[in-house]
Structures are given as structure tokens and as C-alpha cells.
């Protein structure tokens, strides 16, 4: 099996850790390490950066120094895995703010020669999105059409060239028993080993 460079992006906004998202990320990391994959991590809650407040700031402002290493890690990676809890139907605001800061012109995409940002800057990378939620995952997937995850996949990851993107949706997290939790952790270790 070919080894890959994997970047884990922990999008849970609680800097104290200890949540299911953290356990899932650790299980994925354990599987990846045991298979010999190279691994880096970004803990978004541990970073200090401002929220973007204008298009001009996004297009022409300097990337905060606290995020330079994050951009370098994304550039290094061949496969990204993003973990986050579903909050109010979407990713937590801190993760969204992080992605807005990171996905700037000149890095995530480039001018196409016609004044637009049409050239995708992060092609050649794949991703997995792992989302935990209180509702049943099937309800989120089929009734709500997994709208926020699809938006992330299409409007952020796909827009900058990251493909394919796979997803793992874990529902009813407040009611998971030990056996079911163990199955999800085992699944993450397997996915980590496969770099999938």
C-alpha cells in the first residue's frame, strides 16, 4: 500500500477537547500511524485569528501569522480529514471562520486571466468530512439533504479543487452506547489505515 500525507483538521470549537470528535480523530490518527502514513494535525480551537469582515480584507489582506503553518500543512497534505459537530444545522462558526481565512486568493485558487478566480489551487488532494450530530444521521442525510455538508463539499472543498470528498455522518451522539461508540472508533481506525 502506498503511504500518504494526511492532515487532520479538528473543527470542534471547544479547546478543552474530550468530545466524540476528538476521540474519532485520535482513532483515525492511530489507524493512519499504524499503516505508516505521514500525519499532521490542526486544532482550530487552539488557534488565535480574527474573523474576516469584508471582501477587500479577504482578497487583499494579509493572512494572520497564526494561520501560516495551517496553510503550509494543507499544501503538504494529499488527504484532508475534517471533523466537526453539527451546530444549528451547520459547521461551528469558528471552523467556518478558519476556512474563510485559509481559502484566500493566491492560495486556494488563482486568477484565470480574465479577472476572475477560476483556477483551483488545491487540486490533487482528496478529503473526508466526519460530522457528529444529535439527530439521526439518516434524517439529516435524506430529510435535510445533508445541506451544510454538501455546501462544504461543493462550495469550499470542490471550489478549490479538492476531490473526491467522502463523508461520515454519525447521528444520535448523545445516545451512543459503549458498543456503538467502539464500532465508530474502529471504523475510523480502518479509514485512517486506508487513508480514506
N, C-alpha and C. Protein backbone atom coordinates (compact mmCIF):
# COMPACT_ATOMS: atom_id res chain seq x y z
N UNK A 1 0.83 -1.19 0.00
CA UNK A 1 0.00 0.00 0.00
C UNK A 1 0.88 1.25 0.00
N UNK A 2 0.47 2.23 -0.78
CA UNK A 2 1.19 3.50 -0.86
C UNK A 2 0.89 4.34 0.37
N UNK A 3 1.93 4.90 0.97
CA UNK A 3 1.69 5.78 2.11
C UNK A 3 1.31 7.16 1.60
N UNK A 4 0.53 7.87 2.41
CA UNK A 4 0.04 9.19 2.03
C UNK A 4 0.32 10.20 3.14
N UNK A 5 0.27 11.47 2.77
CA UNK A 5 0.41 12.57 3.73
C UNK A 5 -1.00 13.04 4.11
N UNK A 6 -1.34 12.84 5.36
CA UNK A 6 -2.70 13.10 5.84
C UNK A 6 -2.70 14.27 6.82
N UNK A 7 -3.65 15.18 6.63
CA UNK A 7 -3.85 16.29 7.56
C UNK A 7 -5.21 16.15 8.22
N UNK A 8 -5.22 16.09 9.55
CA UNK A 8 -6.45 16.07 10.32
C UNK A 8 -6.77 17.49 10.78
N UNK A 9 -7.96 17.96 10.47
CA UNK A 9 -8.40 19.28 10.90
C UNK A 9 -9.53 19.08 11.90
N UNK A 10 -9.23 19.36 13.17
CA UNK A 10 -10.23 19.22 14.23
C UNK A 10 -11.02 20.52 14.30
N UNK A 11 -12.30 20.47 13.92
CA UNK A 11 -13.11 21.66 13.87
C UNK A 11 -14.01 21.87 15.07
N UNK A 12 -13.89 21.01 16.09
CA UNK A 12 -14.69 21.24 17.29
C UNK A 12 -14.17 22.49 17.99
N UNK A 13 -15.04 23.44 18.32
CA UNK A 13 -14.56 24.71 18.85
C UNK A 13 -14.19 24.71 20.33
N UNK A 14 -14.40 23.62 21.04
CA UNK A 14 -14.07 23.57 22.46
C UNK A 14 -12.58 23.26 22.62
N UNK A 15 -11.78 24.22 23.12
CA UNK A 15 -10.34 23.98 23.24
C UNK A 15 -9.98 22.96 24.32
N UNK A 16 -10.95 22.61 25.18
CA UNK A 16 -10.68 21.63 26.24
C UNK A 16 -10.62 20.20 25.69
N UNK A 17 -11.21 19.96 24.53
CA UNK A 17 -11.21 18.61 23.95
C UNK A 17 -12.15 17.69 24.72
N UNK A 18 -11.91 16.39 24.56
CA UNK A 18 -12.68 15.41 25.29
C UNK A 18 -14.03 15.04 24.69
N UNK A 19 -14.32 15.50 23.47
CA UNK A 19 -15.59 15.22 22.82
C UNK A 19 -15.44 14.05 21.86
N UNK A 20 -16.55 13.56 21.36
CA UNK A 20 -16.52 12.45 20.41
C UNK A 20 -15.68 12.80 19.18
N UNK A 21 -15.79 14.02 18.71
CA UNK A 21 -14.97 14.43 17.55
C UNK A 21 -13.48 14.20 17.82
N UNK A 22 -13.05 14.48 19.03
CA UNK A 22 -11.63 14.30 19.38
C UNK A 22 -11.27 12.81 19.42
N UNK A 23 -12.14 12.00 19.96
CA UNK A 23 -11.88 10.55 20.00
C UNK A 23 -11.86 9.96 18.60
N UNK A 24 -12.76 10.42 17.73
CA UNK A 24 -12.78 9.94 16.35
C UNK A 24 -11.51 10.32 15.62
N UNK A 25 -11.06 11.56 15.82
CA UNK A 25 -9.82 12.00 15.17
C UNK A 25 -8.62 11.20 15.67
N UNK A 26 -8.59 10.91 16.97
CA UNK A 26 -7.49 10.12 17.51
C UNK A 26 -7.49 8.71 16.95
N UNK A 27 -8.67 8.12 16.82
CA UNK A 27 -8.78 6.77 16.25
C UNK A 27 -8.29 6.78 14.80
N UNK A 28 -8.68 7.80 14.04
CA UNK A 28 -8.22 7.90 12.65
C UNK A 28 -6.69 8.03 12.63
N UNK A 29 -6.16 8.88 13.50
CA UNK A 29 -4.71 9.08 13.56
C UNK A 29 -3.99 7.78 13.93
N UNK A 30 -4.55 7.03 14.87
CA UNK A 30 -3.94 5.76 15.26
C UNK A 30 -3.88 4.80 14.09
N UNK A 31 -4.98 4.72 13.33
CA UNK A 31 -5.01 3.84 12.17
C UNK A 31 -4.02 4.28 11.10
N UNK A 32 -3.94 5.59 10.87
CA UNK A 32 -3.01 6.11 9.87
C UNK A 32 -1.57 5.86 10.27
N UNK A 33 -1.25 6.10 11.54
CA UNK A 33 0.12 5.89 12.02
C UNK A 33 0.53 4.42 11.93
N UNK A 34 -0.40 3.53 12.28
CA UNK A 34 -0.06 2.10 12.25
C UNK A 34 0.15 1.61 10.82
N UNK A 35 -0.42 2.30 9.84
CA UNK A 35 -0.23 1.92 8.44
C UNK A 35 0.96 2.63 7.81
N UNK A 36 1.63 3.49 8.58
CA UNK A 36 2.83 4.16 8.08
C UNK A 36 2.60 5.45 7.33
N UNK A 37 1.36 5.99 7.39
CA UNK A 37 1.09 7.26 6.73
C UNK A 37 1.71 8.42 7.53
N UNK A 38 2.11 9.47 6.83
CA UNK A 38 2.60 10.68 7.50
C UNK A 38 1.39 11.49 7.94
N UNK A 39 1.49 12.12 9.10
CA UNK A 39 0.32 12.74 9.70
C UNK A 39 0.66 14.09 10.31
N UNK A 40 -0.21 15.07 10.06
CA UNK A 40 -0.15 16.36 10.73
C UNK A 40 -1.55 16.68 11.21
N UNK A 41 -1.63 17.59 12.21
CA UNK A 41 -2.93 17.96 12.78
C UNK A 41 -3.05 19.47 12.92
N UNK A 42 -4.28 19.92 12.77
CA UNK A 42 -4.63 21.31 13.08
C UNK A 42 -5.80 21.25 14.05
N UNK A 43 -5.64 21.89 15.20
CA UNK A 43 -6.72 22.03 16.19
C UNK A 43 -7.21 23.47 16.08
N UNK A 44 -8.31 23.66 15.37
CA UNK A 44 -8.79 25.02 15.10
C UNK A 44 -9.05 25.78 16.40
N UNK A 45 -9.55 25.11 17.42
CA UNK A 45 -9.86 25.78 18.69
C UNK A 45 -8.62 26.28 19.42
N UNK A 46 -7.45 25.78 19.03
CA UNK A 46 -6.21 26.22 19.67
C UNK A 46 -5.57 27.41 18.96
N UNK A 47 -6.14 27.82 17.83
CA UNK A 47 -5.58 28.91 17.04
C UNK A 47 -6.24 30.24 17.40
N UNK A 48 -5.48 31.30 17.30
CA UNK A 48 -6.00 32.64 17.57
C UNK A 48 -5.94 33.43 16.27
N UNK A 49 -7.13 33.76 15.72
CA UNK A 49 -7.18 34.50 14.46
C UNK A 49 -8.47 35.31 14.43
N UNK A 50 -8.48 36.41 13.69
CA UNK A 50 -9.68 37.24 13.60
C UNK A 50 -10.66 36.71 12.56
N UNK A 51 -11.88 37.17 12.67
CA UNK A 51 -12.91 36.87 11.68
C UNK A 51 -12.78 37.88 10.54
N UNK A 52 -12.89 37.40 9.31
CA UNK A 52 -12.88 38.33 8.18
C UNK A 52 -14.17 39.12 8.15
N UNK A 53 -14.07 40.41 7.82
CA UNK A 53 -15.24 41.27 7.86
C UNK A 53 -15.55 41.98 6.55
N UNK A 54 -14.73 41.76 5.52
CA UNK A 54 -15.01 42.39 4.22
C UNK A 54 -14.36 41.59 3.11
N UNK A 55 -14.90 41.76 1.92
CA UNK A 55 -14.32 41.10 0.74
C UNK A 55 -12.91 41.63 0.48
N UNK A 56 -12.71 42.92 0.71
CA UNK A 56 -11.39 43.51 0.49
C UNK A 56 -10.36 42.90 1.43
N UNK A 57 -10.75 42.71 2.67
CA UNK A 57 -9.84 42.09 3.64
C UNK A 57 -9.48 40.67 3.22
N UNK A 58 -10.47 39.94 2.69
CA UNK A 58 -10.24 38.57 2.23
C UNK A 58 -9.33 38.54 1.00
N UNK A 59 -9.59 39.44 0.05
CA UNK A 59 -8.83 39.42 -1.20
C UNK A 59 -7.43 40.01 -1.05
N UNK A 60 -7.31 41.09 -0.29
CA UNK A 60 -6.05 41.84 -0.28
C UNK A 60 -5.34 41.87 1.07
N UNK A 61 -6.02 41.47 2.15
CA UNK A 61 -5.42 41.49 3.47
C UNK A 61 -4.40 40.37 3.64
N UNK A 62 -3.54 40.55 4.62
CA UNK A 62 -2.52 39.54 4.90
C UNK A 62 -3.10 38.40 5.72
N UNK A 63 -2.68 37.19 5.41
CA UNK A 63 -3.07 36.04 6.22
C UNK A 63 -2.50 36.22 7.63
N UNK A 64 -3.31 36.03 8.67
CA UNK A 64 -2.76 36.14 10.04
C UNK A 64 -1.59 35.18 10.23
N UNK A 65 -0.58 35.63 10.94
CA UNK A 65 0.60 34.80 11.16
C UNK A 65 0.28 33.47 11.82
N UNK A 66 -0.77 33.43 12.63
CA UNK A 66 -1.15 32.20 13.32
C UNK A 66 -1.67 31.12 12.37
N UNK A 67 -1.95 31.49 11.12
CA UNK A 67 -2.50 30.53 10.17
C UNK A 67 -1.53 30.15 9.05
N UNK A 68 -0.34 30.71 9.08
CA UNK A 68 0.65 30.38 8.04
C UNK A 68 0.98 28.89 8.07
N UNK A 69 1.20 28.33 9.26
CA UNK A 69 1.52 26.90 9.37
C UNK A 69 0.35 26.04 8.90
N UNK A 70 -0.88 26.52 9.12
CA UNK A 70 -2.05 25.76 8.66
C UNK A 70 -2.09 25.71 7.14
N UNK A 71 -1.85 26.83 6.49
CA UNK A 71 -1.80 26.82 5.03
C UNK A 71 -0.69 25.89 4.53
N UNK A 72 0.47 25.93 5.18
CA UNK A 72 1.58 25.07 4.78
C UNK A 72 1.23 23.59 4.95
N UNK A 73 0.49 23.27 6.02
CA UNK A 73 0.09 21.88 6.25
C UNK A 73 -0.90 21.42 5.19
N UNK A 74 -1.80 22.29 4.77
CA UNK A 74 -2.75 21.94 3.71
C UNK A 74 -2.01 21.73 2.40
N UNK A 75 -1.04 22.59 2.14
CA UNK A 75 -0.23 22.45 0.92
C UNK A 75 0.54 21.13 0.92
N UNK A 76 1.01 20.72 2.09
CA UNK A 76 1.79 19.48 2.26
C UNK A 76 0.92 18.24 2.07
N UNK A 77 -0.33 18.33 2.48
CA UNK A 77 -1.20 17.15 2.56
C UNK A 77 -1.65 16.65 1.19
N UNK A 78 -1.85 15.33 1.14
CA UNK A 78 -2.50 14.70 0.00
C UNK A 78 -3.96 14.35 0.31
N UNK A 79 -4.27 14.22 1.59
CA UNK A 79 -5.62 13.86 2.02
C UNK A 79 -5.95 14.64 3.29
N UNK A 80 -7.10 15.29 3.30
CA UNK A 80 -7.54 16.06 4.46
C UNK A 80 -8.74 15.37 5.09
N UNK A 81 -8.78 15.37 6.42
CA UNK A 81 -9.94 14.84 7.14
C UNK A 81 -10.40 15.93 8.11
N UNK A 82 -11.64 16.37 7.93
CA UNK A 82 -12.19 17.46 8.73
C UNK A 82 -13.25 16.89 9.67
N UNK A 83 -13.08 17.13 10.95
CA UNK A 83 -14.01 16.66 11.99
C UNK A 83 -14.74 17.86 12.57
N UNK A 84 -16.07 17.74 12.72
CA UNK A 84 -16.80 18.79 13.42
C UNK A 84 -18.18 18.30 13.86
N UNK A 85 -18.73 18.92 14.91
CA UNK A 85 -20.11 18.63 15.32
C UNK A 85 -21.05 19.54 14.55
N UNK A 86 -22.20 19.04 14.22
CA UNK A 86 -23.22 19.85 13.56
C UNK A 86 -23.85 20.75 14.61
N UNK A 87 -23.77 22.05 14.40
CA UNK A 87 -24.33 23.03 15.34
C UNK A 87 -25.32 23.89 14.58
N UNK A 88 -26.56 23.92 15.02
CA UNK A 88 -27.61 24.71 14.38
C UNK A 88 -27.65 24.43 12.87
N UNK A 89 -27.46 23.17 12.52
CA UNK A 89 -27.58 22.77 11.13
C UNK A 89 -26.36 23.00 10.27
N UNK A 90 -25.25 23.41 10.87
CA UNK A 90 -24.06 23.75 10.06
C UNK A 90 -22.80 23.47 10.86
N UNK A 91 -21.66 23.73 10.24
CA UNK A 91 -20.40 23.63 10.97
C UNK A 91 -20.32 24.76 11.99
N UNK A 92 -19.57 24.58 13.08
CA UNK A 92 -19.40 25.67 14.04
C UNK A 92 -18.79 26.91 13.39
N UNK A 93 -19.16 28.08 13.88
CA UNK A 93 -18.71 29.35 13.31
C UNK A 93 -17.19 29.46 13.28
N UNK A 94 -16.52 28.93 14.30
CA UNK A 94 -15.06 29.03 14.35
C UNK A 94 -14.42 28.28 13.18
N UNK A 95 -14.94 27.12 12.84
CA UNK A 95 -14.41 26.36 11.70
C UNK A 95 -14.67 27.11 10.40
N UNK A 96 -15.85 27.68 10.27
CA UNK A 96 -16.17 28.47 9.06
C UNK A 96 -15.23 29.65 8.94
N UNK A 97 -14.96 30.34 10.05
CA UNK A 97 -14.05 31.48 10.03
C UNK A 97 -12.64 31.05 9.64
N UNK A 98 -12.22 29.87 10.13
CA UNK A 98 -10.91 29.32 9.78
C UNK A 98 -10.83 29.06 8.28
N UNK A 99 -11.84 28.42 7.72
CA UNK A 99 -11.82 28.10 6.29
C UNK A 99 -11.84 29.37 5.44
N UNK A 100 -12.59 30.38 5.88
CA UNK A 100 -12.61 31.65 5.15
C UNK A 100 -11.22 32.30 5.14
N UNK A 101 -10.53 32.25 6.27
CA UNK A 101 -9.19 32.83 6.33
C UNK A 101 -8.21 32.05 5.44
N UNK A 102 -8.28 30.74 5.51
CA UNK A 102 -7.32 29.88 4.80
C UNK A 102 -7.52 29.93 3.28
N UNK A 103 -8.78 29.88 2.84
CA UNK A 103 -9.09 29.74 1.41
C UNK A 103 -9.07 31.09 0.71
N UNK A 104 -7.90 31.68 0.66
CA UNK A 104 -7.75 33.01 0.07
C UNK A 104 -7.25 32.92 -1.37
N UNK A 105 -7.53 33.97 -2.15
CA UNK A 105 -6.95 34.04 -3.49
C UNK A 105 -5.43 33.98 -3.40
N UNK A 106 -4.83 33.31 -4.37
CA UNK A 106 -3.38 33.15 -4.38
C UNK A 106 -2.93 31.88 -3.70
N UNK A 107 -3.82 31.28 -2.92
CA UNK A 107 -3.50 30.00 -2.28
C UNK A 107 -4.51 28.93 -2.69
N UNK A 108 -5.76 29.14 -2.35
CA UNK A 108 -6.78 28.15 -2.64
C UNK A 108 -7.23 28.19 -4.10
N UNK A 109 -7.11 29.33 -4.72
CA UNK A 109 -7.38 29.45 -6.15
C UNK A 109 -6.65 30.67 -6.68
N UNK A 110 -6.55 30.72 -8.00
CA UNK A 110 -5.75 31.76 -8.65
C UNK A 110 -6.56 32.42 -9.76
N UNK A 111 -6.13 33.58 -10.16
CA UNK A 111 -6.81 34.28 -11.25
C UNK A 111 -6.74 33.45 -12.51
N UNK A 112 -7.81 33.52 -13.29
CA UNK A 112 -7.89 32.72 -14.51
C UNK A 112 -7.44 33.48 -15.75
N UNK A 113 -6.97 34.70 -15.56
CA UNK A 113 -6.55 35.50 -16.70
C UNK A 113 -7.63 36.43 -17.22
N UNK A 114 -8.84 36.25 -16.76
CA UNK A 114 -9.97 37.10 -17.17
C UNK A 114 -10.49 37.93 -16.01
N UNK A 115 -9.68 38.07 -14.96
CA UNK A 115 -10.07 38.86 -13.81
C UNK A 115 -10.85 38.09 -12.76
N UNK A 116 -11.11 36.83 -13.01
CA UNK A 116 -11.83 36.00 -12.04
C UNK A 116 -10.91 34.99 -11.39
N UNK A 117 -11.39 34.37 -10.30
CA UNK A 117 -10.61 33.36 -9.60
C UNK A 117 -11.08 31.97 -10.05
N UNK A 118 -10.69 31.58 -11.25
CA UNK A 118 -11.19 30.35 -11.82
C UNK A 118 -10.27 29.16 -11.74
N UNK A 119 -9.00 29.38 -11.40
CA UNK A 119 -8.04 28.27 -11.36
C UNK A 119 -7.95 27.73 -9.94
N UNK A 120 -8.32 26.48 -9.78
CA UNK A 120 -8.32 25.85 -8.47
C UNK A 120 -6.90 25.58 -8.01
N UNK A 121 -6.60 25.99 -6.78
CA UNK A 121 -5.23 25.91 -6.29
C UNK A 121 -4.89 24.69 -5.47
N UNK A 122 -5.89 23.87 -5.10
CA UNK A 122 -5.62 22.74 -4.22
C UNK A 122 -6.01 21.40 -4.84
N UNK A 123 -5.93 21.32 -6.15
CA UNK A 123 -6.22 20.07 -6.84
C UNK A 123 -5.22 18.99 -6.45
N UNK A 124 -5.57 17.74 -6.71
CA UNK A 124 -4.70 16.62 -6.39
C UNK A 124 -4.82 16.15 -4.96
N UNK A 125 -5.77 16.70 -4.22
CA UNK A 125 -6.00 16.29 -2.83
C UNK A 125 -7.40 15.71 -2.70
N UNK A 126 -7.54 14.75 -1.83
CA UNK A 126 -8.85 14.19 -1.51
C UNK A 126 -9.20 14.59 -0.09
N UNK A 127 -10.44 14.31 0.32
CA UNK A 127 -10.85 14.67 1.67
C UNK A 127 -11.95 13.75 2.18
N UNK A 128 -12.07 13.73 3.49
CA UNK A 128 -13.19 13.09 4.17
C UNK A 128 -13.70 14.10 5.20
N UNK A 129 -15.02 14.21 5.30
CA UNK A 129 -15.67 15.07 6.28
C UNK A 129 -16.38 14.16 7.27
N UNK A 130 -16.04 14.30 8.55
CA UNK A 130 -16.64 13.48 9.61
C UNK A 130 -17.47 14.41 10.49
N UNK A 131 -18.79 14.17 10.53
CA UNK A 131 -19.69 15.07 11.23
C UNK A 131 -20.50 14.30 12.28
N UNK A 132 -20.50 14.81 13.50
CA UNK A 132 -21.33 14.24 14.57
C UNK A 132 -22.55 15.14 14.74
N UNK A 133 -23.66 14.53 15.20
CA UNK A 133 -24.90 15.31 15.35
C UNK A 133 -25.84 14.64 16.35
N UNK A 134 -26.76 15.41 16.87
CA UNK A 134 -27.73 14.89 17.82
C UNK A 134 -28.87 14.15 17.15
N UNK A 135 -29.23 14.56 15.94
CA UNK A 135 -30.35 13.91 15.24
C UNK A 135 -29.88 12.62 14.57
N UNK A 136 -30.79 11.76 14.16
CA UNK A 136 -30.38 10.58 13.40
C UNK A 136 -29.72 10.98 12.09
N UNK A 137 -28.62 10.35 11.75
CA UNK A 137 -27.89 10.69 10.53
C UNK A 137 -28.75 10.51 9.28
N UNK A 138 -29.63 9.51 9.27
CA UNK A 138 -30.49 9.29 8.11
C UNK A 138 -31.47 10.44 7.92
N UNK A 139 -31.96 11.00 9.02
CA UNK A 139 -32.85 12.16 8.92
C UNK A 139 -32.09 13.34 8.32
N UNK A 140 -30.87 13.56 8.80
CA UNK A 140 -30.05 14.66 8.26
C UNK A 140 -29.75 14.43 6.79
N UNK A 141 -29.39 13.21 6.42
CA UNK A 141 -29.00 12.91 5.05
C UNK A 141 -30.18 13.00 4.09
N UNK A 142 -31.32 12.40 4.45
CA UNK A 142 -32.41 12.29 3.48
C UNK A 142 -33.50 13.34 3.63
N UNK A 143 -33.81 13.76 4.85
CA UNK A 143 -34.84 14.78 5.02
C UNK A 143 -34.24 16.18 4.81
N UNK A 144 -33.09 16.45 5.45
CA UNK A 144 -32.44 17.75 5.32
C UNK A 144 -31.46 17.78 4.16
N UNK A 145 -31.29 16.65 3.48
CA UNK A 145 -30.40 16.54 2.32
C UNK A 145 -28.95 16.85 2.66
N UNK A 146 -28.56 16.71 3.93
CA UNK A 146 -27.19 16.97 4.37
C UNK A 146 -26.69 18.29 3.79
N UNK A 147 -27.56 19.31 3.83
CA UNK A 147 -27.31 20.56 3.10
C UNK A 147 -26.01 21.25 3.48
N UNK A 148 -25.67 21.32 4.76
CA UNK A 148 -24.45 22.04 5.13
C UNK A 148 -23.19 21.26 4.75
N UNK A 149 -23.24 19.94 4.86
CA UNK A 149 -22.09 19.13 4.44
C UNK A 149 -21.93 19.21 2.93
N UNK A 150 -23.04 19.15 2.20
CA UNK A 150 -22.97 19.27 0.74
C UNK A 150 -22.43 20.64 0.34
N UNK A 151 -22.82 21.68 1.08
CA UNK A 151 -22.31 23.01 0.80
C UNK A 151 -20.80 23.08 1.02
N UNK A 152 -20.31 22.49 2.11
CA UNK A 152 -18.88 22.43 2.36
C UNK A 152 -18.17 21.68 1.23
N UNK A 153 -18.72 20.55 0.84
CA UNK A 153 -18.09 19.74 -0.19
C UNK A 153 -18.06 20.45 -1.54
N UNK A 154 -19.16 21.11 -1.88
CA UNK A 154 -19.28 21.74 -3.20
C UNK A 154 -18.67 23.14 -3.22
N UNK A 155 -19.05 23.97 -2.25
CA UNK A 155 -18.73 25.40 -2.31
C UNK A 155 -17.40 25.78 -1.70
N UNK A 156 -16.81 24.87 -0.93
CA UNK A 156 -15.49 25.16 -0.36
C UNK A 156 -14.47 24.17 -0.92
N UNK A 157 -14.61 22.90 -0.56
CA UNK A 157 -13.60 21.92 -0.97
C UNK A 157 -13.56 21.73 -2.48
N UNK A 158 -14.72 21.52 -3.09
CA UNK A 158 -14.75 21.34 -4.54
C UNK A 158 -14.33 22.59 -5.28
N UNK A 159 -14.69 23.76 -4.76
CA UNK A 159 -14.37 25.03 -5.41
C UNK A 159 -12.86 25.26 -5.52
N UNK A 160 -12.10 24.71 -4.56
CA UNK A 160 -10.65 24.91 -4.60
C UNK A 160 -9.92 23.70 -5.18
N UNK A 161 -10.68 22.70 -5.64
CA UNK A 161 -10.08 21.58 -6.36
C UNK A 161 -9.91 20.29 -5.59
N UNK A 162 -10.38 20.25 -4.34
CA UNK A 162 -10.23 19.03 -3.53
C UNK A 162 -11.32 18.03 -3.91
N UNK A 163 -10.89 16.87 -4.41
CA UNK A 163 -11.82 15.83 -4.85
C UNK A 163 -11.06 14.52 -5.00
N UNK A 164 -11.70 13.39 -4.73
CA UNK A 164 -13.08 13.27 -4.26
C UNK A 164 -13.18 13.62 -2.77
N UNK A 165 -14.40 13.91 -2.35
CA UNK A 165 -14.69 14.17 -0.94
C UNK A 165 -15.72 13.13 -0.47
N UNK A 166 -15.37 12.41 0.58
CA UNK A 166 -16.28 11.42 1.16
C UNK A 166 -16.74 11.93 2.52
N UNK A 167 -17.84 11.39 3.00
CA UNK A 167 -18.37 11.86 4.28
C UNK A 167 -18.73 10.70 5.18
N UNK A 168 -18.61 10.95 6.47
CA UNK A 168 -19.06 10.03 7.51
C UNK A 168 -19.95 10.83 8.45
N UNK A 169 -21.22 10.45 8.51
CA UNK A 169 -22.18 11.15 9.36
C UNK A 169 -22.56 10.25 10.53
N UNK A 170 -22.39 10.76 11.74
CA UNK A 170 -22.65 9.97 12.95
C UNK A 170 -23.74 10.67 13.75
N UNK A 171 -24.91 10.05 13.81
CA UNK A 171 -26.05 10.66 14.47
C UNK A 171 -26.32 10.13 15.86
N UNK A 172 -27.23 10.82 16.54
CA UNK A 172 -27.68 10.43 17.88
C UNK A 172 -26.51 10.28 18.86
N UNK A 173 -25.56 11.18 18.79
CA UNK A 173 -24.33 11.01 19.57
C UNK A 173 -24.56 11.05 21.08
N UNK A 174 -25.59 11.75 21.50
CA UNK A 174 -25.85 11.81 22.95
C UNK A 174 -26.48 10.52 23.47
N UNK A 175 -26.82 9.60 22.56
CA UNK A 175 -27.41 8.34 22.97
C UNK A 175 -26.54 7.13 22.59
N UNK A 176 -25.32 7.38 22.13
CA UNK A 176 -24.45 6.27 21.74
C UNK A 176 -24.05 5.45 22.96
N UNK A 177 -24.23 4.13 22.88
CA UNK A 177 -23.75 3.28 23.97
C UNK A 177 -22.30 2.89 23.69
N UNK A 178 -21.68 2.22 24.64
CA UNK A 178 -20.25 1.89 24.53
C UNK A 178 -19.97 1.03 23.31
N UNK A 179 -20.86 0.09 23.01
CA UNK A 179 -20.66 -0.81 21.88
C UNK A 179 -20.69 -0.05 20.55
N UNK A 180 -21.66 0.84 20.41
CA UNK A 180 -21.78 1.61 19.16
C UNK A 180 -20.62 2.59 19.02
N UNK A 181 -20.23 3.22 20.13
CA UNK A 181 -19.08 4.12 20.09
C UNK A 181 -17.82 3.37 19.64
N UNK A 182 -17.64 2.17 20.19
CA UNK A 182 -16.46 1.36 19.83
C UNK A 182 -16.47 1.01 18.35
N UNK A 183 -17.65 0.77 17.79
CA UNK A 183 -17.75 0.45 16.36
C UNK A 183 -17.33 1.65 15.51
N UNK A 184 -17.76 2.85 15.92
CA UNK A 184 -17.38 4.05 15.17
C UNK A 184 -15.87 4.31 15.27
N UNK A 185 -15.31 4.09 16.45
CA UNK A 185 -13.86 4.29 16.60
C UNK A 185 -13.09 3.28 15.76
N UNK A 186 -13.57 2.05 15.72
CA UNK A 186 -12.93 1.02 14.89
C UNK A 186 -13.02 1.40 13.41
N UNK A 187 -14.17 1.94 13.02
CA UNK A 187 -14.34 2.38 11.63
C UNK A 187 -13.34 3.48 11.29
N UNK A 188 -13.14 4.42 12.23
CA UNK A 188 -12.18 5.50 12.00
C UNK A 188 -10.76 4.96 11.89
N UNK A 189 -10.41 3.98 12.74
CA UNK A 189 -9.06 3.39 12.64
C UNK A 189 -8.87 2.74 11.29
N UNK A 190 -9.90 2.05 10.80
CA UNK A 190 -9.81 1.41 9.48
C UNK A 190 -9.65 2.46 8.38
N UNK A 191 -10.46 3.51 8.43
CA UNK A 191 -10.34 4.57 7.43
C UNK A 191 -8.96 5.25 7.49
N UNK A 192 -8.44 5.44 8.69
CA UNK A 192 -7.11 6.01 8.84
C UNK A 192 -6.05 5.13 8.21
N UNK A 193 -6.15 3.83 8.43
CA UNK A 193 -5.19 2.91 7.85
C UNK A 193 -5.24 2.91 6.33
N UNK A 194 -6.44 3.11 5.79
CA UNK A 194 -6.62 3.15 4.34
C UNK A 194 -6.40 4.53 3.76
N UNK A 195 -6.21 5.53 4.64
CA UNK A 195 -6.11 6.94 4.22
C UNK A 195 -7.31 7.31 3.36
N UNK A 196 -8.47 6.88 3.82
CA UNK A 196 -9.70 7.11 3.03
C UNK A 196 -10.62 8.11 3.74
